[in-house]
Amino acid sequence: MTSTTDSSGTTRGLDRVLAAWGLDGARVMPFEGTTDRWRIERAGGAPMLLRRYDDHRSAEVIAYEHDLLAYLEEHSWPVPVPVPSTSGDTALDRDGARWALFPLLPGAPSPDESIFLQRRGALLALVHADLAAWDRAVRREAFGRVDDFDAAVQPHGLASFEALLARVHAVDPLRANMLAVLRMRVEEQLATYGYAELPPHPLWGACTSQHVLFDGNEVTGLIDFDEARADARAVDIAASILADTRSVGWRIVRWVAGYAAHADPPLTEQEADLVPVVMAALMLRRVAIRIAEAQSDAGLDEDALAIVDEALTVEANEADLRQVIRTAARLAPA
């Protein structure tokens, strides 16, 4: 569904969607740099965010995200709980897309300072502790396991990871071989460190500098639960470390120290050892998605393929990362 904005700030084409929340005539402004989010303003009301979900997100996954947000709000976390429509639903199908409306929370991302790395690690540990008591039944498979590389490329028109390798091989045989070897090593390491043995746990999926809002020293918002899912805690930890630390040793130490100090139950040696492996798995998934998107759009080029080298760097540093994480978590050396 497309829309345009006229001089009054009203976005034509969203009328039916806004009417479902009783927001006829509201002022609508696209968020800069996005094509699926709009700022909604109405007279006498707080600003809100209208979200159009990606076509590949299932109704089950969206319902899980909304239920998780409601649970966190009940436990006094400042999260954007979806606003019910006039029919009482928090997600609606309109004009071939699925939509949701959220409050806009105050605050801004934190400065890039070491103390905030530690605070974000601690925040994620506390969120995990509260979510551990959530009694909603979860199935890891419903949300895509971290080792399901086929699922990463299928939304982009490829049947499997092997099909992606074939496309890369036609352009860059060396990098295609690197990807095949990396997948094999990641799968072996996930098995070695018992990824499949760890029970699924409700995860946030995006505890990063851009998604924790502050007003001074006060946390005013935890946002962007797009990747909320059920998986091992190590997956959430690895995703945050990748996004927030740039794989710099002292930054990892501060983040992990914050998490370990508040983790309940405590971070185990198995989980700590698994985090670097999951980091490599997440990078491999990112590579697969980036290349799959490129081949379905403008074709594979050097910029698209260069991300392979970044993934290899993460995997090559796995042993050192493991020691850093164990040290920060005050666990015995590996």
Foldseek 3Di string as FASTA:
>chain_A
DDWDADPVQDIPPCQVVCVQAPQHPWRWADDPPDRFKIWTHDPPDAIKIKGWDDPPDDPVLVVVLLVLQVLVVVVVAQEWRWDATPVRDQWDDDPNIIMGMTGDWDFFFDPLDLLVLLVLLLVQQVSQVSQQPDPDDADQVVQDALLQLQVLQVVLPARGVVSLLVQVCVPPVVLSVLLVVLSVVLVVVCVVLPQVVAFWTWHQQDSERGQFGDDVPHTTYGYDSSSTHTGHPLLRLLSHCVRHVVPDLVSNLSNLLSNQVNHVVGDDLSSLLCNLSSNLSNLSSVLSNLQSNQCSPVRDDPVSSVSSVVSVVSVVCSLVSSQSSCVSNVHDGD
